[in-house]
């Protein structure tokens, strides 16, 4: 009898331990899985603002000149190495100073015009006035005092020269000059212009171009 009671007690203890073990598993449950927002995109990486590239403006003292030969146009001349050709025709060339967008730099045109007879002083003055008239029709607030100087040499001959001013499309005051000379029934002309606030400093470059325009053989 005693033995039977002991066995019953052991059986009851085993059942009790088994029941307790089952309650723990039910109460604890599985580890919860984190909820993921399917609409959430990747975290954007901040974009650094672009660094502005400074414009490589060349100081006048660092200009390098180079010879340009245009035998088909009947002219040879010197030009700054970094200036760009803007256009050309049968008897003319145009070069300009590279500048940032929204600015107008310096510009020079050189031309060679053939006449049926040798122009005299009166013809040359009229040619110069006609050239200035074309510029007036092209530029805003164009002004010239009408004076024609003979104190200049161009293509190795005494020239006719006149100064002028105007306002560019950005409202910037501009300044320039036209010089002409004649040889063998041809009129050689040079037109140089640029921003008025830099004009005096650029005259050394204008002078170098002016002194080195030659007739092409």
N, C-alpha and C. Protein backbone atom coordinates (compact mmCIF):
# COMPACT_ATOMS: atom_id res chain seq x y z
N UNK A 1 0.84 -1.20 0.00
CA UNK A 1 0.00 0.00 0.00
C UNK A 1 0.86 1.24 0.00
N UNK A 2 1.85 1.19 0.82
CA UNK A 2 2.77 2.32 0.91
C UNK A 2 3.45 2.56 -0.41
N UNK A 3 3.82 1.46 -1.06
CA UNK A 3 4.51 1.55 -2.34
C UNK A 3 3.61 2.17 -3.40
N UNK A 4 2.32 1.80 -3.34
CA UNK A 4 1.36 2.34 -4.33
C UNK A 4 1.19 3.82 -4.13
N UNK A 5 1.15 4.29 -2.90
CA UNK A 5 1.01 5.72 -2.62
C UNK A 5 2.22 6.50 -3.13
N UNK A 6 3.39 5.92 -2.95
CA UNK A 6 4.60 6.59 -3.44
C UNK A 6 4.56 6.73 -4.95
N UNK A 7 4.14 5.66 -5.63
CA UNK A 7 4.07 5.72 -7.10
C UNK A 7 3.05 6.75 -7.56
N UNK A 8 1.90 6.83 -6.85
CA UNK A 8 0.90 7.83 -7.21
C UNK A 8 1.41 9.25 -7.02
N UNK A 9 2.17 9.45 -5.92
CA UNK A 9 2.75 10.79 -5.69
C UNK A 9 3.75 11.17 -6.78
N UNK A 10 4.57 10.21 -7.19
CA UNK A 10 5.56 10.48 -8.24
C UNK A 10 4.86 10.80 -9.57
N UNK A 11 3.75 10.08 -9.86
CA UNK A 11 3.00 10.32 -11.09
C UNK A 11 2.38 11.71 -11.10
N UNK A 12 1.77 12.08 -9.96
CA UNK A 12 1.17 13.42 -9.85
C UNK A 12 2.22 14.52 -10.01
N UNK A 13 3.42 14.32 -9.42
CA UNK A 13 4.51 15.31 -9.53
C UNK A 13 4.95 15.47 -10.98
N UNK A 14 5.05 14.35 -11.71
CA UNK A 14 5.46 14.40 -13.11
C UNK A 14 4.44 15.14 -13.96
N UNK A 15 3.13 14.88 -13.69
CA UNK A 15 2.08 15.58 -14.45
C UNK A 15 2.08 17.07 -14.18
N UNK A 16 2.32 17.41 -12.92
CA UNK A 16 2.35 18.84 -12.55
C UNK A 16 3.49 19.56 -13.25
N UNK A 17 4.70 18.94 -13.27
CA UNK A 17 5.86 19.56 -13.95
C UNK A 17 5.63 19.71 -15.45
N UNK A 18 4.96 18.71 -16.03
CA UNK A 18 4.67 18.75 -17.47
C UNK A 18 3.71 19.88 -17.79
N UNK A 19 2.68 20.07 -16.95
CA UNK A 19 1.71 21.15 -17.17
C UNK A 19 2.35 22.50 -17.05
N UNK A 20 3.22 22.65 -16.08
CA UNK A 20 3.92 23.95 -15.89
C UNK A 20 4.79 24.27 -17.08
N UNK A 21 5.45 23.25 -17.62
CA UNK A 21 6.31 23.48 -18.78
C UNK A 21 5.49 23.95 -19.97
N UNK A 22 4.32 23.39 -20.23
CA UNK A 22 3.47 23.80 -21.35
C UNK A 22 2.98 25.21 -21.21
N UNK A 23 2.63 25.65 -19.98
CA UNK A 23 2.16 27.03 -19.76
C UNK A 23 3.22 28.04 -20.10
N UNK A 24 4.49 27.76 -19.80
CA UNK A 24 5.58 28.71 -20.10
C UNK A 24 5.71 28.92 -21.59
N UNK A 25 5.65 27.85 -22.38
CA UNK A 25 5.81 27.99 -23.83
C UNK A 25 4.66 28.78 -24.43
N UNK A 26 3.44 28.58 -23.93
CA UNK A 26 2.28 29.28 -24.49
C UNK A 26 2.32 30.75 -24.14
N UNK A 27 2.75 31.10 -22.95
CA UNK A 27 2.77 32.49 -22.50
C UNK A 27 3.83 33.30 -23.24
N UNK A 28 5.02 32.67 -23.42
CA UNK A 28 6.14 33.43 -24.03
C UNK A 28 5.89 33.67 -25.51
N UNK A 29 5.48 32.69 -26.24
CA UNK A 29 5.18 32.82 -27.67
C UNK A 29 6.42 33.08 -28.50
N UNK A 30 6.32 33.13 -29.84
CA UNK A 30 7.47 33.39 -30.73
C UNK A 30 7.95 34.83 -30.65
N UNK A 31 9.22 35.08 -31.01
CA UNK A 31 9.79 36.43 -31.03
C UNK A 31 9.14 37.25 -32.14
N UNK A 32 8.57 38.45 -31.86
CA UNK A 32 7.86 39.23 -32.89
C UNK A 32 8.79 39.70 -34.00
N UNK A 33 8.32 39.69 -35.26
CA UNK A 33 9.10 40.15 -36.43
C UNK A 33 8.85 41.63 -36.65
N UNK A 34 9.91 42.49 -36.83
CA UNK A 34 9.72 43.93 -37.04
C UNK A 34 8.90 44.20 -38.29
N UNK A 35 8.03 45.20 -38.21
CA UNK A 35 7.20 45.58 -39.36
C UNK A 35 7.99 46.48 -40.30
N UNK A 36 8.01 46.19 -41.62
CA UNK A 36 8.75 46.96 -42.63
C UNK A 36 7.76 47.71 -43.50
N UNK A 37 7.98 49.03 -43.66
CA UNK A 37 7.13 49.85 -44.52
C UNK A 37 7.56 49.64 -45.97
N UNK A 38 6.71 48.98 -46.75
CA UNK A 38 7.07 48.66 -48.14
C UNK A 38 7.21 49.90 -49.00
N UNK A 39 6.58 51.02 -48.61
CA UNK A 39 6.62 52.25 -49.42
C UNK A 39 7.83 53.12 -49.12
N UNK A 40 8.53 52.78 -48.04
CA UNK A 40 9.67 53.62 -47.67
C UNK A 40 10.84 53.32 -48.59
N UNK A 41 11.41 54.36 -49.23
CA UNK A 41 12.56 54.20 -50.11
C UNK A 41 13.86 54.29 -49.33
N UNK A 42 14.98 54.12 -50.05
CA UNK A 42 16.27 54.23 -49.37
C UNK A 42 16.52 55.66 -48.90
N UNK A 43 17.24 55.81 -47.85
CA UNK A 43 17.56 57.14 -47.32
C UNK A 43 18.45 57.87 -48.32
N UNK A 44 18.01 59.04 -48.84
CA UNK A 44 18.82 59.73 -49.86
C UNK A 44 20.14 60.24 -49.29
N UNK A 45 21.18 60.16 -50.15
CA UNK A 45 22.48 60.69 -49.76
C UNK A 45 22.53 62.16 -50.14
N UNK A 46 22.87 63.05 -49.21
CA UNK A 46 22.93 64.49 -49.52
C UNK A 46 23.88 64.77 -50.68
N UNK A 47 23.44 65.61 -51.64
CA UNK A 47 24.27 65.98 -52.79
C UNK A 47 24.98 67.29 -52.53
N UNK A 48 26.29 67.27 -52.70
CA UNK A 48 27.07 68.50 -52.47
C UNK A 48 26.80 69.49 -53.59
N UNK A 49 26.68 70.77 -53.26
CA UNK A 49 26.46 71.81 -54.26
C UNK A 49 27.68 71.92 -55.16
N UNK A 50 27.47 72.07 -56.49
CA UNK A 50 28.62 72.17 -57.40
C UNK A 50 29.45 73.40 -57.10
N UNK A 51 30.74 73.24 -57.23
CA UNK A 51 31.67 74.35 -57.01
C UNK A 51 31.83 75.13 -58.31
N UNK A 52 31.62 76.43 -58.26
CA UNK A 52 31.75 77.27 -59.46
C UNK A 52 33.20 77.28 -59.92
N UNK A 53 33.39 77.09 -61.23
CA UNK A 53 34.74 77.12 -61.78
C UNK A 53 35.10 78.56 -62.14
N UNK A 54 36.15 79.11 -61.54
CA UNK A 54 36.51 80.49 -61.85
C UNK A 54 36.93 80.63 -63.31
N UNK A 55 36.52 81.75 -63.94
CA UNK A 55 36.87 81.95 -65.35
C UNK A 55 38.33 82.36 -65.45
N UNK A 56 39.09 81.69 -66.33
CA UNK A 56 40.53 81.98 -66.43
C UNK A 56 40.83 83.24 -67.22
N UNK A 57 40.51 84.41 -66.65
CA UNK A 57 40.81 85.66 -67.34
C UNK A 57 42.33 85.92 -67.29
N UNK A 58 42.90 86.19 -68.43
CA UNK A 58 44.35 86.38 -68.53
C UNK A 58 44.69 87.86 -68.39
N UNK A 59 45.65 88.15 -67.53
CA UNK A 59 46.08 89.53 -67.35
C UNK A 59 46.79 90.01 -68.61
N UNK A 60 46.62 91.27 -68.92
CA UNK A 60 47.21 91.84 -70.14
C UNK A 60 48.73 91.63 -70.17
N UNK A 61 49.37 91.70 -69.02
CA UNK A 61 50.83 91.53 -68.96
C UNK A 61 51.25 90.11 -69.32
N UNK A 62 50.31 89.16 -69.29
CA UNK A 62 50.63 87.77 -69.61
C UNK A 62 50.18 87.37 -71.01
N UNK A 63 49.70 88.34 -71.80
CA UNK A 63 49.27 88.02 -73.17
C UNK A 63 50.47 87.54 -73.99
N UNK A 64 50.21 86.56 -74.85
CA UNK A 64 51.19 86.09 -75.82
C UNK A 64 50.60 86.30 -77.21
N UNK A 65 51.34 86.94 -78.09
CA UNK A 65 50.85 87.23 -79.44
C UNK A 65 51.40 86.20 -80.42
N UNK A 66 50.61 85.93 -81.46
CA UNK A 66 51.02 84.97 -82.47
C UNK A 66 50.68 85.51 -83.85
N UNK A 67 51.50 85.18 -84.83
CA UNK A 67 51.24 85.62 -86.19
C UNK A 67 50.14 84.78 -86.83
N UNK A 68 49.26 85.45 -87.54
CA UNK A 68 48.21 84.79 -88.33
C UNK A 68 48.40 85.22 -89.78
N UNK A 69 48.41 84.26 -90.67
CA UNK A 69 48.58 84.56 -92.09
C UNK A 69 47.31 84.23 -92.84
N UNK A 70 46.77 85.23 -93.54
CA UNK A 70 45.55 85.05 -94.34
C UNK A 70 45.82 85.57 -95.76
N UNK A 71 46.65 84.84 -96.53
CA UNK A 71 47.00 85.31 -97.88
C UNK A 71 45.80 85.47 -98.80
N UNK A 72 44.78 84.62 -98.63
CA UNK A 72 43.60 84.75 -99.49
C UNK A 72 42.83 86.03 -99.21
N UNK A 73 43.00 86.58 -98.02
CA UNK A 73 42.36 87.85 -97.65
C UNK A 73 43.31 89.03 -97.85
N UNK A 74 44.53 88.74 -98.22
CA UNK A 74 45.50 89.80 -98.49
C UNK A 74 46.08 90.45 -97.25
N UNK A 75 46.04 89.75 -96.09
CA UNK A 75 46.53 90.35 -94.85
C UNK A 75 47.26 89.31 -93.98
N UNK A 76 48.25 89.79 -93.26
CA UNK A 76 48.89 89.06 -92.17
C UNK A 76 48.76 89.94 -90.93
N UNK A 77 48.67 89.34 -89.76
CA UNK A 77 48.49 90.14 -88.55
C UNK A 77 48.89 89.34 -87.32
N UNK A 78 49.02 90.03 -86.19
CA UNK A 78 49.28 89.38 -84.91
C UNK A 78 48.01 89.42 -84.06
N UNK A 79 47.81 88.34 -83.27
CA UNK A 79 46.61 88.23 -82.46
C UNK A 79 46.97 87.51 -81.15
N UNK A 80 46.32 87.86 -80.03
CA UNK A 80 46.55 87.10 -78.79
C UNK A 80 46.25 85.62 -79.01
N UNK A 81 47.10 84.76 -78.47
CA UNK A 81 46.96 83.32 -78.72
C UNK A 81 45.64 82.75 -78.23
N UNK A 82 45.07 83.32 -77.16
CA UNK A 82 43.84 82.74 -76.59
C UNK A 82 42.56 83.36 -77.14
N UNK A 83 42.68 84.38 -78.01
CA UNK A 83 41.47 84.94 -78.61
C UNK A 83 40.93 83.98 -79.66
N UNK A 84 39.62 84.00 -79.83
CA UNK A 84 38.95 83.06 -80.73
C UNK A 84 38.47 83.77 -82.00
N UNK A 85 38.48 83.03 -83.10
CA UNK A 85 37.95 83.59 -84.35
C UNK A 85 36.44 83.53 -84.32
N UNK A 86 35.81 84.67 -84.53
CA UNK A 86 34.35 84.76 -84.50
C UNK A 86 33.74 84.59 -85.88
N UNK A 87 34.52 84.85 -86.91
CA UNK A 87 34.00 84.74 -88.26
C UNK A 87 34.99 85.30 -89.26
N UNK A 88 34.78 84.98 -90.50
CA UNK A 88 35.64 85.50 -91.56
C UNK A 88 34.88 85.47 -92.87
N UNK A 89 35.37 86.25 -93.80
CA UNK A 89 34.76 86.31 -95.12
C UNK A 89 35.85 86.39 -96.17
N UNK A 90 35.47 86.78 -97.36
CA UNK A 90 36.45 86.83 -98.45
C UNK A 90 37.58 87.79 -98.15
N UNK A 91 37.27 88.91 -97.47
CA UNK A 91 38.29 89.92 -97.23
C UNK A 91 38.28 90.45 -95.80
N UNK A 92 37.82 89.65 -94.83
CA UNK A 92 37.84 90.14 -93.45
C UNK A 92 37.93 88.98 -92.46
N UNK A 93 38.41 89.29 -91.25
CA UNK A 93 38.44 88.33 -90.15
C UNK A 93 37.99 89.07 -88.88
N UNK A 94 37.40 88.32 -87.95
CA UNK A 94 36.97 88.88 -86.67
C UNK A 94 37.46 87.95 -85.55
N UNK A 95 38.09 88.53 -84.54
CA UNK A 95 38.53 87.77 -83.36
C UNK A 95 37.94 88.43 -82.11
N UNK A 96 37.76 87.60 -81.06
CA UNK A 96 37.21 88.14 -79.83
C UNK A 96 37.90 87.53 -78.60
N UNK A 97 37.84 88.27 -77.51
CA UNK A 97 38.38 87.83 -76.23
C UNK A 97 37.37 86.93 -75.54
N UNK A 98 37.72 85.70 -75.16
CA UNK A 98 36.78 84.84 -74.43
C UNK A 98 36.47 85.42 -73.05
N UNK A 99 35.19 85.49 -72.71
CA UNK A 99 34.76 86.03 -71.41
C UNK A 99 33.62 85.15 -70.88
N UNK A 100 33.27 85.27 -69.59
CA UNK A 100 32.17 84.47 -69.03
C UNK A 100 30.85 84.80 -69.73
N UNK A 101 29.92 83.86 -69.66
CA UNK A 101 28.59 84.08 -70.23
C UNK A 101 27.94 85.30 -69.58
N UNK A 102 27.30 86.13 -70.39
CA UNK A 102 26.67 87.34 -69.87
C UNK A 102 27.57 88.55 -69.94
N UNK A 103 28.76 88.40 -70.55
CA UNK A 103 29.67 89.54 -70.71
C UNK A 103 30.06 89.68 -72.17
N UNK A 104 30.44 90.89 -72.54
CA UNK A 104 31.05 91.14 -73.84
C UNK A 104 32.50 91.53 -73.60
N UNK A 105 33.39 90.86 -74.28
CA UNK A 105 34.80 91.19 -74.15
C UNK A 105 35.26 92.09 -75.28
N UNK A 106 36.57 92.10 -75.51
CA UNK A 106 37.12 92.90 -76.59
C UNK A 106 37.03 92.13 -77.90
N UNK A 107 36.95 92.92 -78.96
CA UNK A 107 36.76 92.34 -80.29
C UNK A 107 37.51 93.19 -81.31
N UNK A 108 38.05 92.53 -82.31
CA UNK A 108 38.75 93.25 -83.37
C UNK A 108 38.40 92.64 -84.72
N UNK A 109 38.18 93.50 -85.69
CA UNK A 109 37.98 93.03 -87.06
C UNK A 109 39.01 93.72 -87.96
N UNK A 110 39.50 92.98 -88.93
CA UNK A 110 40.48 93.50 -89.89
C UNK A 110 39.97 93.17 -91.28
N UNK A 111 39.96 94.16 -92.15
CA UNK A 111 39.40 93.95 -93.48
C UNK A 111 40.26 94.58 -94.56
N UNK A 112 40.02 94.16 -95.79
CA UNK A 112 40.77 94.60 -96.96
C UNK A 112 39.76 94.73 -98.10
N UNK A 113 39.52 95.97 -98.51
CA UNK A 113 38.48 96.26 -99.50
C UNK A 113 39.10 96.82 -100.78
N UNK A 114 38.74 96.25 -101.91
CA UNK A 114 39.30 96.69 -103.18
C UNK A 114 38.44 97.78 -103.80
N UNK A 115 39.09 98.82 -104.35
CA UNK A 115 38.40 99.92 -105.02
C UNK A 115 38.79 99.95 -106.50
N UNK A 116 37.97 100.58 -107.30
CA UNK A 116 38.26 100.65 -108.74
C UNK A 116 39.35 101.65 -109.06
N UNK A 117 39.56 102.62 -108.15
CA UNK A 117 40.64 103.60 -108.33
C UNK A 117 41.26 103.91 -106.98
N UNK A 118 42.40 104.52 -107.00
CA UNK A 118 43.10 104.84 -105.75
C UNK A 118 42.33 105.91 -104.99
N UNK A 119 41.90 105.62 -103.74
CA UNK A 119 41.14 106.62 -102.97
C UNK A 119 42.03 107.79 -102.56
N UNK A 120 41.48 109.00 -102.63
CA UNK A 120 42.21 110.15 -102.12
C UNK A 120 41.77 110.43 -100.69
N UNK A 121 42.25 111.52 -100.11
CA UNK A 121 41.95 111.85 -98.71
C UNK A 121 40.44 112.00 -98.48
N UNK A 122 39.76 112.65 -99.42
CA UNK A 122 38.32 112.83 -99.28
C UNK A 122 37.58 111.50 -99.31
N UNK A 123 38.02 110.60 -100.20
CA UNK A 123 37.39 109.28 -100.29
C UNK A 123 37.58 108.50 -98.99
N UNK A 124 38.77 108.61 -98.42
CA UNK A 124 39.05 107.87 -97.18
C UNK A 124 38.20 108.38 -96.02
N UNK A 125 38.04 109.67 -95.94
CA UNK A 125 37.20 110.24 -94.87
C UNK A 125 35.74 109.79 -95.03
N UNK A 126 35.29 109.74 -96.28
CA UNK A 126 33.93 109.29 -96.53
C UNK A 126 33.76 107.81 -96.19
N UNK A 127 34.76 107.00 -96.51
CA UNK A 127 34.73 105.57 -96.15
C UNK A 127 34.64 105.40 -94.64
N UNK A 128 35.41 106.20 -93.92
CA UNK A 128 35.40 106.10 -92.46
C UNK A 128 34.05 106.52 -91.88
N UNK A 129 33.48 107.57 -92.42
CA UNK A 129 32.16 108.02 -91.93
C UNK A 129 31.09 106.97 -92.22
N UNK A 130 31.17 106.32 -93.37
CA UNK A 130 30.21 105.28 -93.70
C UNK A 130 30.33 104.09 -92.75
N UNK A 131 31.56 103.76 -92.40
CA UNK A 131 31.79 102.66 -91.46
C UNK A 131 31.18 102.99 -90.10
N UNK A 132 31.39 104.23 -89.63
CA UNK A 132 30.82 104.66 -88.35
C UNK A 132 29.30 104.68 -88.40
N UNK A 133 28.74 104.99 -89.56
CA UNK A 133 27.29 105.01 -89.72
C UNK A 133 26.71 103.60 -89.57
N UNK A 134 27.42 102.61 -90.10
CA UNK A 134 26.99 101.21 -89.96
C UNK A 134 27.02 100.81 -88.48
N UNK A 135 28.07 101.20 -87.77
CA UNK A 135 28.16 100.89 -86.35
C UNK A 135 27.02 101.56 -85.57
N UNK A 136 26.69 102.78 -85.94
CA UNK A 136 25.60 103.49 -85.26
C UNK A 136 24.28 102.76 -85.43
N UNK A 137 24.07 102.18 -86.60
CA UNK A 137 22.83 101.43 -86.84
C UNK A 137 22.82 100.09 -86.10
N UNK A 138 23.99 99.63 -85.67
CA UNK A 138 24.12 98.32 -85.03
C UNK A 138 24.07 98.40 -83.51
N UNK A 139 24.62 99.47 -82.93
CA UNK A 139 24.77 99.57 -81.48
C UNK A 139 23.85 100.62 -80.87
N UNK A 140 23.49 100.40 -79.59
CA UNK A 140 22.67 101.37 -78.85
C UNK A 140 23.53 102.51 -78.32
N UNK A 141 22.95 103.69 -78.28
CA UNK A 141 23.61 104.88 -77.71
C UNK A 141 24.98 105.12 -78.32
N UNK A 142 25.08 104.88 -79.62
CA UNK A 142 26.36 105.07 -80.31
C UNK A 142 26.66 106.55 -80.45
N UNK A 143 27.90 106.92 -80.11
CA UNK A 143 28.32 108.32 -80.22
C UNK A 143 29.75 108.41 -80.72
N UNK A 144 30.01 109.41 -81.54
CA UNK A 144 31.35 109.75 -81.97
C UNK A 144 31.41 111.25 -82.16
N UNK A 145 32.56 111.84 -81.86
CA UNK A 145 32.66 113.30 -81.99
C UNK A 145 32.88 113.73 -83.43
N UNK A 146 33.02 112.79 -84.34
CA UNK A 146 33.17 113.13 -85.75
C UNK A 146 34.58 113.54 -86.15
N UNK A 147 35.48 113.63 -85.17
CA UNK A 147 36.85 114.02 -85.49
C UNK A 147 37.61 112.85 -86.11
N UNK A 148 38.39 113.15 -87.12
CA UNK A 148 39.20 112.13 -87.79
C UNK A 148 40.67 112.50 -87.61
N UNK A 149 41.40 111.62 -86.94
CA UNK A 149 42.82 111.87 -86.67
C UNK A 149 43.68 111.28 -87.78
N UNK A 150 44.79 111.97 -88.08
CA UNK A 150 45.76 111.43 -89.04
C UNK A 150 47.06 111.05 -88.33
N UNK A 151 47.03 111.07 -87.00
CA UNK A 151 48.24 110.80 -86.22
C UNK A 151 48.36 109.30 -85.93
N UNK A 152 48.34 108.50 -86.98
CA UNK A 152 48.42 107.05 -86.82
C UNK A 152 48.95 106.43 -88.11
N UNK A 153 49.68 105.34 -87.96
CA UNK A 153 50.18 104.59 -89.11
C UNK A 153 49.55 103.21 -89.12
N UNK A 154 49.04 102.82 -90.27
CA UNK A 154 48.37 101.52 -90.38
C UNK A 154 48.76 100.88 -91.70
N UNK A 155 49.17 99.61 -91.65
CA UNK A 155 49.68 98.89 -92.82
C UNK A 155 50.81 99.71 -93.46
N UNK A 156 51.59 100.34 -92.60
CA UNK A 156 52.78 101.11 -92.98
C UNK A 156 52.46 102.39 -93.77
N UNK A 157 51.22 102.83 -93.69
CA UNK A 157 50.85 104.08 -94.35
C UNK A 157 50.10 104.96 -93.37
N UNK A 158 50.10 106.24 -93.62
CA UNK A 158 49.39 107.17 -92.75
C UNK A 158 47.89 106.88 -92.82
N UNK A 159 47.29 106.74 -91.63
CA UNK A 159 45.90 106.32 -91.59
C UNK A 159 44.92 107.41 -91.20
N UNK A 160 43.65 107.04 -91.21
CA UNK A 160 42.54 107.90 -90.80
C UNK A 160 41.84 107.17 -89.64
N UNK A 161 41.69 107.85 -88.51
CA UNK A 161 41.19 107.17 -87.32
C UNK A 161 40.13 108.00 -86.61
N UNK A 162 39.13 107.30 -86.03
CA UNK A 162 38.08 107.97 -85.27
C UNK A 162 37.67 107.08 -84.09
N UNK A 163 37.39 107.71 -82.93
CA UNK A 163 36.96 106.99 -81.73
C UNK A 163 35.44 107.00 -81.62
N UNK A 164 34.91 106.09 -80.82
CA UNK A 164 33.46 106.05 -80.60
C UNK A 164 33.16 105.34 -79.28
N UNK A 165 31.90 105.49 -78.82
CA UNK A 165 31.39 104.79 -77.64
C UNK A 165 29.99 104.28 -77.94
N UNK A 166 29.55 103.27 -77.19
CA UNK A 166 28.18 102.77 -77.32
C UNK A 166 27.86 101.94 -76.07
N UNK A 167 26.64 101.42 -76.00
CA UNK A 167 26.22 100.57 -74.89
C UNK A 167 25.86 99.19 -75.44
N UNK A 168 26.40 98.14 -74.81
CA UNK A 168 26.12 96.79 -75.31
C UNK A 168 24.76 96.29 -74.84
N UNK A 169 24.41 95.06 -75.20
CA UNK A 169 23.08 94.54 -74.89
C UNK A 169 22.86 94.30 -73.40
N UNK A 170 23.93 94.32 -72.62
CA UNK A 170 23.81 94.17 -71.16
C UNK A 170 23.82 95.52 -70.44
N UNK A 171 23.83 96.61 -71.23
CA UNK A 171 23.84 97.94 -70.64
C UNK A 171 25.21 98.40 -70.21
N UNK A 172 26.26 97.72 -70.66
CA UNK A 172 27.64 98.06 -70.28
C UNK A 172 28.22 99.07 -71.26
N UNK A 173 28.81 100.17 -70.78
CA UNK A 173 29.45 101.13 -71.68
C UNK A 173 30.65 100.50 -72.40
N UNK A 174 30.71 100.71 -73.70
CA UNK A 174 31.77 100.17 -74.53
C UNK A 174 32.51 101.31 -75.23
N UNK A 175 33.74 101.06 -75.62
CA UNK A 175 34.56 102.08 -76.27
C UNK A 175 35.37 101.42 -77.38
N UNK A 176 35.63 102.18 -78.45
CA UNK A 176 36.40 101.61 -79.54
C UNK A 176 36.93 102.65 -80.50
N UNK A 177 37.61 102.15 -81.54
CA UNK A 177 38.11 103.04 -82.59
C UNK A 177 38.15 102.29 -83.92
N UNK A 178 38.12 103.06 -84.99
CA UNK A 178 38.28 102.53 -86.35
C UNK A 178 39.45 103.26 -86.98
N UNK A 179 40.31 102.51 -87.66
CA UNK A 179 41.43 103.13 -88.38
C UNK A 179 41.47 102.54 -89.80
N UNK A 180 41.77 103.41 -90.78
CA UNK A 180 41.84 102.99 -92.18
C UNK A 180 43.06 103.59 -92.85
N UNK A 181 43.57 102.85 -93.83
CA UNK A 181 44.62 103.39 -94.69
C UNK A 181 44.46 102.75 -96.07
N UNK A 182 45.16 103.29 -97.05
CA UNK A 182 45.00 102.79 -98.42
C UNK A 182 46.34 102.56 -99.09
N UNK A 183 46.36 101.55 -99.95
CA UNK A 183 47.53 101.26 -100.77
C UNK A 183 47.09 100.44 -101.97
N UNK A 184 47.55 100.86 -103.15
CA UNK A 184 47.32 100.12 -104.38
C UNK A 184 45.84 99.76 -104.58
N UNK A 185 44.98 100.79 -104.46
CA UNK A 185 43.54 100.70 -104.69
C UNK A 185 42.84 99.76 -103.70
N UNK A 186 43.44 99.59 -102.54
CA UNK A 186 42.80 98.80 -101.49
C UNK A 186 42.71 99.63 -100.20
N UNK A 187 41.59 99.48 -99.51
CA UNK A 187 41.41 100.16 -98.22
C UNK A 187 41.50 99.10 -97.12
N UNK A 188 42.47 99.27 -96.23
CA UNK A 188 42.66 98.37 -95.09
C UNK A 188 42.02 99.03 -93.87
N UNK A 189 41.24 98.26 -93.14
CA UNK A 189 40.52 98.82 -91.98
C UNK A 189 40.66 97.89 -90.77
N UNK A 190 40.69 98.51 -89.59
CA UNK A 190 40.71 97.76 -88.33
C UNK A 190 39.74 98.42 -87.38
N UNK A 191 38.86 97.60 -86.77
CA UNK A 191 37.89 98.08 -85.79
C UNK A 191 38.14 97.35 -84.48
N UNK A 192 38.42 98.09 -83.41
CA UNK A 192 38.75 97.51 -82.11
C UNK A 192 37.82 98.10 -81.06
N UNK A 193 37.20 97.25 -80.23
CA UNK A 193 36.29 97.76 -79.20
C UNK A 193 36.21 96.80 -78.02
N UNK A 194 35.72 97.34 -76.88
CA UNK A 194 35.55 96.52 -75.68
C UNK A 194 35.03 97.35 -74.53
N UNK A 195 34.88 96.75 -73.35
CA UNK A 195 34.34 97.46 -72.18
C UNK A 195 35.14 98.72 -71.85
N UNK A 196 34.44 99.83 -71.65
CA UNK A 196 35.10 101.12 -71.42
C UNK A 196 35.97 101.11 -70.16
N UNK A 197 35.56 100.36 -69.13
CA UNK A 197 36.33 100.38 -67.89
C UNK A 197 37.65 99.63 -67.99
N UNK A 198 37.83 98.84 -69.07
CA UNK A 198 39.09 98.12 -69.30
C UNK A 198 39.83 98.61 -70.53
N UNK A 199 39.24 99.61 -71.20
CA UNK A 199 39.76 100.01 -72.50
C UNK A 199 41.19 100.54 -72.42
N UNK A 200 41.46 101.41 -71.47
CA UNK A 200 42.80 102.00 -71.37
C UNK A 200 43.86 100.93 -71.16
N UNK A 201 43.56 99.95 -70.31
CA UNK A 201 44.52 98.89 -70.05
C UNK A 201 44.75 97.99 -71.25
N UNK A 202 43.76 97.89 -72.15
CA UNK A 202 43.88 97.03 -73.32
C UNK A 202 44.47 97.74 -74.53
N UNK A 203 44.73 99.03 -74.41
CA UNK A 203 45.29 99.76 -75.55
C UNK A 203 46.64 99.21 -75.99
N UNK A 204 47.39 98.65 -75.05
CA UNK A 204 48.69 98.08 -75.41
C UNK A 204 48.51 96.91 -76.38
N UNK A 205 47.44 96.12 -76.20
CA UNK A 205 47.16 95.02 -77.11
C UNK A 205 46.64 95.55 -78.45
N UNK A 206 45.78 96.56 -78.38
CA UNK A 206 45.28 97.18 -79.62
C UNK A 206 46.44 97.72 -80.45
N UNK A 207 47.41 98.34 -79.78
CA UNK A 207 48.56 98.91 -80.47
C UNK A 207 49.41 97.83 -81.12
N UNK A 208 49.58 96.70 -80.43
CA UNK A 208 50.37 95.60 -81.01
C UNK A 208 49.70 95.04 -82.26
N UNK A 209 48.38 94.92 -82.20
CA UNK A 209 47.68 94.43 -83.40
C UNK A 209 47.79 95.46 -84.52
N UNK A 210 47.56 96.72 -84.17
CA UNK A 210 47.59 97.80 -85.15
C UNK A 210 48.93 97.88 -85.87
N UNK A 211 50.00 97.72 -85.12
CA UNK A 211 51.35 97.87 -85.69
C UNK A 211 51.77 96.65 -86.52
N UNK A 212 51.05 95.55 -86.40
CA UNK A 212 51.49 94.32 -87.05
C UNK A 212 50.49 93.78 -88.06
N UNK A 213 49.65 94.65 -88.58
CA UNK A 213 48.81 94.27 -89.73
C UNK A 213 49.59 94.61 -90.99
N UNK A 214 49.86 93.62 -91.83
CA UNK A 214 50.64 93.83 -93.04
C UNK A 214 49.90 93.31 -94.26
N UNK A 215 50.26 93.83 -95.38
CA UNK A 215 49.72 93.32 -96.65
C UNK A 215 50.35 91.96 -96.95
N UNK A 216 49.52 90.98 -97.28
CA UNK A 216 50.04 89.67 -97.63
C UNK A 216 50.50 89.67 -99.08
N UNK A 217 51.64 89.09 -99.35
CA UNK A 217 52.17 89.10 -100.72
C UNK A 217 51.50 88.02 -101.56
